[in-house]
N, C-alpha and C. Protein backbone atom coordinates (compact mmCIF):
# COMPACT_ATOMS: atom_id res chain seq x y z
N MET A 1 0.67 -1.09 -0.10
CA MET A 1 -0.39 -0.12 -0.39
C MET A 1 0.69 1.41 -0.16
N SER A 2 2.05 1.27 0.59
CA SER A 2 3.05 2.35 0.41
C SER A 2 3.53 2.54 -1.16
N LEU A 3 3.18 1.69 -1.83
CA LEU A 3 3.78 1.95 -3.00
C LEU A 3 3.03 2.36 -3.81
N LEU A 4 1.90 1.94 -3.63
CA LEU A 4 0.57 2.75 -4.32
C LEU A 4 0.55 4.19 -3.83
N ILE A 5 0.82 4.46 -2.50
CA ILE A 5 -0.07 5.91 -2.12
C ILE A 5 2.06 7.38 -3.15
N VAL A 6 3.11 5.73 -3.15
CA VAL A 6 4.25 6.45 -3.33
C VAL A 6 3.54 7.26 -4.88
N ILE A 7 3.19 6.00 -5.63
CA ILE A 7 3.25 6.58 -7.52
C ILE A 7 1.97 7.31 -6.99
N THR A 8 0.75 7.36 -6.55
CA THR A 8 -0.01 8.15 -6.68
C THR A 8 0.68 9.53 -5.79
N ALA A 9 1.69 10.41 -5.11
CA ALA A 9 1.91 11.01 -5.22
C ALA A 9 2.16 11.83 -5.80
N ILE A 10 3.70 11.02 -6.79
CA ILE A 10 4.37 10.89 -8.03
C ILE A 10 2.70 11.17 -8.86
N ALA A 11 1.85 10.74 -8.59
CA ALA A 11 0.86 10.91 -10.23
C ALA A 11 0.76 12.61 -9.76
N VAL A 12 0.49 12.63 -8.90
CA VAL A 12 -0.49 13.81 -8.80
C VAL A 12 1.18 15.43 -9.14
N PHE A 13 2.00 15.27 -8.65
CA PHE A 13 3.23 16.20 -8.72
C PHE A 13 3.09 16.44 -10.16
N VAL A 14 3.10 15.10 -11.23
CA VAL A 14 3.12 15.12 -12.28
C VAL A 14 2.26 15.59 -13.45
N SER A 15 1.27 15.42 -12.72
CA SER A 15 -0.01 16.12 -13.24
C SER A 15 -0.42 18.03 -12.74
N PHE A 16 0.67 18.71 -11.94
CA PHE A 16 0.43 19.61 -11.24
C PHE A 16 1.53 20.18 -12.27
N GLY A 17 2.87 19.31 -11.81
CA GLY A 17 4.16 19.94 -12.86
C GLY A 17 3.41 20.29 -14.98
N ALA A 18 2.83 19.43 -15.15
CA ALA A 18 2.10 19.07 -16.41
C ALA A 18 0.97 20.40 -16.55
N LEU A 19 0.47 21.44 -15.23
CA LEU A 19 -0.85 22.33 -15.50
C LEU A 19 0.03 23.65 -15.17
N TRP A 20 1.02 23.57 -14.35
CA TRP A 20 2.17 24.62 -14.05
C TRP A 20 2.50 24.45 -15.79
N MET A 21 3.35 23.71 -16.76
CA MET A 21 3.93 24.18 -18.00
C MET A 21 3.05 24.88 -18.70
N SER A 22 1.80 23.99 -19.15
CA SER A 22 0.82 24.15 -19.32
C SER A 22 0.95 25.97 -19.62
N SER A 23 0.12 26.30 -18.17
CA SER A 23 -0.51 27.68 -18.42
C SER A 23 1.02 28.33 -18.37
N VAL A 24 1.89 28.28 -18.08
CA VAL A 24 3.05 28.76 -18.70
C VAL A 24 3.01 29.01 -20.27
N ALA A 25 3.26 27.45 -20.72
CA ALA A 25 3.03 27.94 -22.54
C ALA A 25 1.91 28.70 -22.91
N MET A 26 0.98 28.81 -22.64
CA MET A 26 -0.55 29.25 -22.82
C MET A 26 0.26 30.33 -22.61
N LYS A 27 0.09 31.09 -21.07
CA LYS A 27 1.09 32.25 -21.11
C LYS A 27 1.53 32.84 -22.37
N ARG A 28 2.51 32.81 -22.93
CA ARG A 28 4.12 32.48 -23.69
C ARG A 28 2.62 32.87 -25.14
N ALA A 29 1.85 31.82 -25.30
CA ALA A 29 1.34 31.66 -26.37
C ALA A 29 0.16 33.15 -26.83
N GLU A 30 -0.37 33.15 -25.27
CA GLU A 30 -1.08 34.40 -25.35
C GLU A 30 -0.50 35.66 -25.82
N SER A 31 0.59 36.09 -25.64
CA SER A 31 1.57 36.92 -25.54
C SER A 31 2.21 37.16 -26.69
N GLN A 32 2.21 36.25 -27.47
CA GLN A 32 3.10 36.25 -28.54
C GLN A 32 1.45 36.88 -29.49
N ILE A 33 0.76 35.94 -29.03
CA ILE A 33 -0.98 36.36 -29.84
C ILE A 33 -1.38 37.87 -30.03
N THR A 34 -0.84 38.08 -28.71
CA THR A 34 -1.14 39.91 -28.71
C THR A 34 -0.37 40.67 -29.24
N GLU A 35 0.70 40.12 -29.03
CA GLU A 35 1.59 40.99 -30.02
C GLU A 35 1.39 41.16 -31.43
N PHE A 36 1.55 40.01 -31.69
CA PHE A 36 1.36 39.38 -33.53
C PHE A 36 0.11 40.74 -33.97
N VAL A 37 -1.29 40.24 -32.82
CA VAL A 37 -2.70 41.30 -33.49
C VAL A 37 -2.44 42.67 -33.36
N ASN A 38 -1.81 43.36 -32.30
CA ASN A 38 -0.61 44.50 -32.41
C ASN A 38 -0.37 45.12 -33.62
N VAL A 39 0.78 44.39 -34.02
CA VAL A 39 1.51 44.22 -35.06
C VAL A 39 0.13 44.61 -36.02
N VAL A 40 -0.19 43.82 -35.77
CA VAL A 40 -1.02 43.10 -37.39
C VAL A 40 -2.32 44.61 -37.14
N ARG A 41 -2.93 45.15 -36.09
CA ARG A 41 -3.79 46.02 -36.57
C ARG A 41 -2.86 47.70 -36.32
N ARG A 42 -1.71 47.68 -36.52
CA ARG A 42 -1.35 48.70 -36.83
C ARG A 42 -0.92 49.12 -38.11
N ASP A 43 -0.16 47.90 -38.52
CA ASP A 43 0.11 47.84 -40.00
C ASP A 43 -0.98 48.35 -41.24
N PHE A 44 -2.66 47.71 -40.47
CA PHE A 44 -3.53 47.47 -41.32
C PHE A 44 -4.41 48.89 -41.21
N GLY A 45 -3.98 49.37 -39.81
CA GLY A 45 -4.59 50.77 -39.65
C GLY A 45 -4.18 52.04 -40.73
N GLY A 46 -2.51 51.82 -40.28
CA GLY A 46 -1.55 52.49 -41.84
C GLY A 46 -2.54 52.16 -43.04
N LEU A 47 -2.48 50.53 -43.45
CA LEU A 47 -3.22 50.53 -44.44
C LEU A 47 -4.50 51.44 -45.39
N ARG A 48 -5.24 51.34 -44.25
CA ARG A 48 -6.93 51.41 -44.24
C ARG A 48 -7.46 53.00 -44.20
N SER A 49 -6.13 53.80 -43.17
CA SER A 49 -6.34 55.00 -43.87
C SER A 49 -5.45 55.05 -44.83
N GLU A 50 -4.27 55.09 -45.58
CA GLU A 50 -3.81 55.35 -46.83
C GLU A 50 -5.12 55.12 -47.73
N VAL A 51 -5.73 53.84 -48.14
CA VAL A 51 -6.77 53.00 -48.66
C VAL A 51 -8.29 54.53 -48.91
N ASP A 52 -8.24 54.97 -47.27
CA ASP A 52 -9.67 56.13 -47.25
C ASP A 52 -8.99 57.19 -48.10
N GLY A 53 -7.57 57.36 -48.23
CA GLY A 53 -7.09 58.55 -48.46
C GLY A 53 -7.89 58.88 -49.61
N LYS A 54 -7.06 57.13 -50.31
CA LYS A 54 -7.11 57.02 -51.89
C LYS A 54 -8.29 57.09 -52.78
N ILE A 55 -8.98 56.53 -51.70
CA ILE A 55 -10.90 56.15 -51.79
C ILE A 55 -11.61 57.70 -51.70
N ALA A 56 -10.81 58.60 -50.86
CA ALA A 56 -11.51 59.77 -50.81
C ALA A 56 -11.28 60.65 -52.68
N ALA A 57 -9.47 61.04 -52.30
CA ALA A 57 -9.51 61.56 -53.73
C ALA A 57 -9.96 60.58 -55.27
N VAL A 58 -10.27 59.01 -55.08
CA VAL A 58 -10.90 59.12 -56.72
C VAL A 58 -12.40 59.37 -55.94
N GLU A 59 -12.95 59.41 -55.45
CA GLU A 59 -14.47 59.46 -55.65
C GLU A 59 -14.70 61.73 -55.81
N SER A 60 -13.53 62.07 -54.74
CA SER A 60 -13.59 63.55 -55.83
C SER A 60 -12.94 64.12 -56.82
N LYS A 61 -12.98 63.19 -57.65
CA LYS A 61 -11.98 63.49 -59.40
C LYS A 61 -13.36 62.81 -59.14
N MET A 62 -14.51 61.13 -58.94
CA MET A 62 -14.97 61.17 -59.99
C MET A 62 -16.43 62.06 -59.93
N ALA A 63 -16.68 62.80 -58.98
CA ALA A 63 -17.89 64.82 -58.75
C ALA A 63 -17.37 65.26 -59.93
N LYS A 64 -15.95 65.54 -59.63
CA LYS A 64 -15.36 66.23 -60.80
C LYS A 64 -15.83 66.14 -61.82
N LEU A 65 -15.58 64.84 -62.55
CA LEU A 65 -15.68 64.11 -63.64
C LEU A 65 -17.48 64.46 -64.74
N MET A 66 -17.44 63.67 -63.35
CA MET A 66 -19.50 64.40 -63.15
C MET A 66 -19.84 65.29 -63.63
N GLN A 67 -19.26 66.25 -63.01
CA GLN A 67 -20.09 67.87 -62.52
C GLN A 67 -19.61 68.48 -64.43
N ARG A 68 -18.28 67.73 -64.65
CA ARG A 68 -18.12 68.53 -66.40
C ARG A 68 -19.03 67.79 -67.56
N VAL A 69 -18.89 66.31 -67.60
CA VAL A 69 -20.21 65.59 -68.58
C VAL A 69 -21.37 66.45 -67.85
N ASP A 70 -22.02 66.74 -66.99
CA ASP A 70 -24.03 67.56 -66.66
C ASP A 70 -23.48 68.37 -67.48
N GLN A 71 -21.99 69.50 -67.40
CA GLN A 71 -21.80 70.76 -67.89
C GLN A 71 -22.12 70.94 -69.42
N ALA A 72 -21.23 69.77 -70.07
CA ALA A 72 -21.07 69.03 -71.38
C ALA A 72 -22.44 69.17 -71.78
N LYS A 73 -23.67 68.24 -71.02
CA LYS A 73 -24.54 67.72 -71.07
C LYS A 73 -25.57 69.29 -71.61
N ASP A 74 -25.41 70.04 -70.43
CA ASP A 74 -25.97 71.87 -70.68
C ASP A 74 -26.13 72.28 -71.90
N ALA A 75 -24.28 72.13 -72.17
CA ALA A 75 -24.20 72.74 -73.24
C ALA A 75 -24.39 72.68 -74.20
N GLU A 76 -24.20 71.27 -74.75
CA GLU A 76 -24.87 70.30 -75.84
C GLU A 76 -26.78 70.43 -76.00
N ALA A 77 -27.14 70.43 -74.96
CA ALA A 77 -28.50 70.70 -74.60
C ALA A 77 -28.90 71.74 -75.69
N THR A 78 -27.92 73.48 -74.97
CA THR A 78 -27.67 74.91 -75.53
C THR A 78 -27.43 74.79 -77.03
N THR A 79 -26.65 74.02 -77.32
CA THR A 79 -26.13 74.47 -79.25
C THR A 79 -27.27 73.24 -80.05
N HIS A 80 -28.48 72.71 -79.09
CA HIS A 80 -29.43 72.39 -79.88
C HIS A 80 -30.46 73.04 -80.28
N GLN A 81 -30.47 73.18 -79.09
CA GLN A 81 -31.48 74.58 -78.88
C GLN A 81 -31.27 75.92 -80.18
N MET A 82 -29.84 76.21 -79.32
CA MET A 82 -29.33 77.54 -80.71
C MET A 82 -29.83 76.79 -82.35
N ILE A 83 -29.62 75.59 -82.61
CA ILE A 83 -29.77 75.06 -83.97
C ILE A 83 -31.00 74.77 -84.29
N ASN A 84 -31.72 74.74 -83.71
CA ASN A 84 -33.49 74.78 -83.55
C ASN A 84 -33.84 76.35 -83.87
N ASP A 85 -33.39 76.93 -83.20
CA ASP A 85 -34.16 78.38 -83.01
C ASP A 85 -33.41 79.06 -84.05
N VAL A 86 -32.41 78.69 -84.65
CA VAL A 86 -31.57 79.13 -86.09
C VAL A 86 -32.52 78.64 -87.50
N ASN A 87 -32.82 77.31 -87.61
CA ASN A 87 -33.67 76.29 -88.47
C ASN A 87 -34.83 77.31 -88.45
N ARG A 88 -35.62 77.62 -87.20
CA ARG A 88 -36.66 77.77 -87.19
C ARG A 88 -36.73 79.06 -88.00
N ASP A 89 -35.98 79.82 -87.25
CA ASP A 89 -35.43 81.30 -87.96
C ASP A 89 -35.92 81.39 -89.12
N LEU A 90 -34.55 80.08 -90.01
CA LEU A 90 -34.38 80.38 -91.04
C LEU A 90 -35.73 79.77 -92.00
N ALA A 91 -36.14 78.89 -91.64
CA ALA A 91 -37.94 78.62 -92.20
C ALA A 91 -38.51 79.45 -92.47
N VAL A 92 -38.32 80.32 -91.52
CA VAL A 92 -39.34 81.77 -90.91
C VAL A 92 -38.73 82.56 -92.74
N LEU A 93 -37.77 82.89 -92.68
CA LEU A 93 -36.83 84.12 -93.75
C LEU A 93 -37.17 83.29 -95.20
N ARG A 94 -37.20 82.19 -95.38
CA ARG A 94 -37.53 80.98 -96.50
C ARG A 94 -39.19 81.78 -97.42
N GLY A 95 -39.70 81.21 -95.46
CA GLY A 95 -41.09 81.82 -96.51
C GLY A 95 -41.32 83.13 -96.60
N THR A 96 -40.87 83.78 -95.80
CA THR A 96 -41.04 85.57 -96.15
C THR A 96 -40.27 85.78 -97.45
N VAL A 97 -38.98 85.47 -97.60
CA VAL A 97 -38.78 85.72 -98.96
C VAL A 97 -40.08 84.38 -100.51
N THR A 98 -40.30 83.68 -100.10
CA THR A 98 -41.49 83.05 -101.11
C THR A 98 -42.15 83.99 -101.03
N ASP A 99 -43.14 84.60 -100.22
CA ASP A 99 -43.62 85.50 -100.07
C ASP A 99 -43.45 86.57 -101.16
N ILE A 100 -42.69 87.36 -100.79
CA ILE A 100 -42.10 88.49 -101.35
C ILE A 100 -42.27 87.90 -102.54
N GLU A 101 -41.19 86.56 -103.17
CA GLU A 101 -41.04 85.92 -104.10
C GLU A 101 -42.64 86.34 -105.39
N THR A 102 -43.60 86.03 -104.16
CA THR A 102 -44.39 85.12 -105.50
C THR A 102 -45.63 86.53 -105.10
N SER A 103 -45.70 87.90 -104.34
CA SER A 103 -46.05 89.54 -104.77
C SER A 103 -45.24 89.78 -105.65
N ILE A 104 -44.55 89.68 -106.47
CA ILE A 104 -43.40 89.87 -107.36
C ILE A 104 -44.25 89.72 -109.02
N PRO A 105 -44.43 90.11 -109.38
CA PRO A 105 -44.58 90.79 -110.63
C PRO A 105 -44.48 89.56 -111.41
N PRO A 106 -45.23 88.65 -112.25
CA PRO A 106 -44.20 87.77 -113.25
C PRO A 106 -43.35 88.31 -114.04
N GLN A 107 -43.76 89.36 -114.40
CA GLN A 107 -42.35 89.82 -115.33
C GLN A 107 -41.53 90.73 -114.68
N PHE A 108 -41.56 90.65 -113.72
CA PHE A 108 -40.22 91.65 -112.68
C PHE A 108 -39.62 90.18 -111.68
N ARG A 109 -39.89 89.02 -112.52
CA ARG A 109 -39.35 87.73 -111.28
C ARG A 109 -38.52 87.21 -112.23
N ARG A 110 -38.01 87.72 -113.21
CA ARG A 110 -37.19 87.09 -114.24
C ARG A 110 -35.26 87.51 -113.26
N ARG A 111 -34.77 86.42 -113.20
CA ARG A 111 -33.12 86.63 -113.09
C ARG A 111 -32.12 86.72 -114.00
N LYS A 112 -31.44 88.07 -113.93
CA LYS A 112 -30.66 88.14 -114.51
C LYS A 112 -29.58 87.43 -114.36
N PRO A 113 -28.67 86.82 -115.99
CA PRO A 113 -27.76 86.04 -115.31
C PRO A 113 -26.50 86.73 -115.14
N MET A 114 -26.05 85.10 -114.06
CA MET A 114 -24.56 86.43 -113.95
C MET A 114 -23.46 86.66 -113.76
N THR A 115 -22.73 87.23 -114.55
CA THR A 115 -21.65 87.75 -114.81
C THR A 115 -20.47 87.08 -114.25
N GLU A 116 -19.08 87.43 -114.58
CA GLU A 116 -18.41 87.30 -114.22
C GLU A 116 -18.15 87.66 -113.36
N GLN A 117 -18.40 89.33 -112.74
CA GLN A 117 -18.02 90.13 -112.09
C GLN A 117 -18.31 89.34 -110.47
N ASP A 118 -20.39 89.50 -110.87
CA ASP A 118 -20.76 88.78 -109.99
C ASP A 118 -20.20 87.39 -109.58
N ARG A 119 -19.41 87.14 -109.95
CA ARG A 119 -19.30 85.36 -108.94
C ARG A 119 -18.58 85.50 -108.56
N VAL A 120 -17.10 86.87 -109.08
CA VAL A 120 -16.34 86.57 -108.51
C VAL A 120 -15.97 87.37 -106.50
N GLN A 121 -17.47 88.03 -107.19
CA GLN A 121 -17.57 89.16 -105.63
C GLN A 121 -18.56 87.97 -104.70
N ASN A 122 -18.98 86.74 -105.61
CA ASN A 122 -19.58 86.48 -104.19
C ASN A 122 -19.15 84.65 -103.54
């Protein structure tokens, strides 16, 4: 029975030693993991701020480009409106010229053939 007690005492000491060694290893692992996490957070924090700055710059450029596109669309619409106005005025002038030509008696409507001098001037 005394041998059984000695073996049990040794087993208890070995188990406590194993628990102590595992707790020391766990503390070391936790400190290394914490240190690694802090390094990663610091590095990724710097990268994140850099990426956020680049994203802000791209968004700013994109907003400026959208503004230019809107201005170009407005200018294009204005140009189309001006062309339509000119075409409408031209149609009115054609109608007026046609009305004037028809109001002239036929004997006075004959046009003179262009001379060489008229061709040079035009």
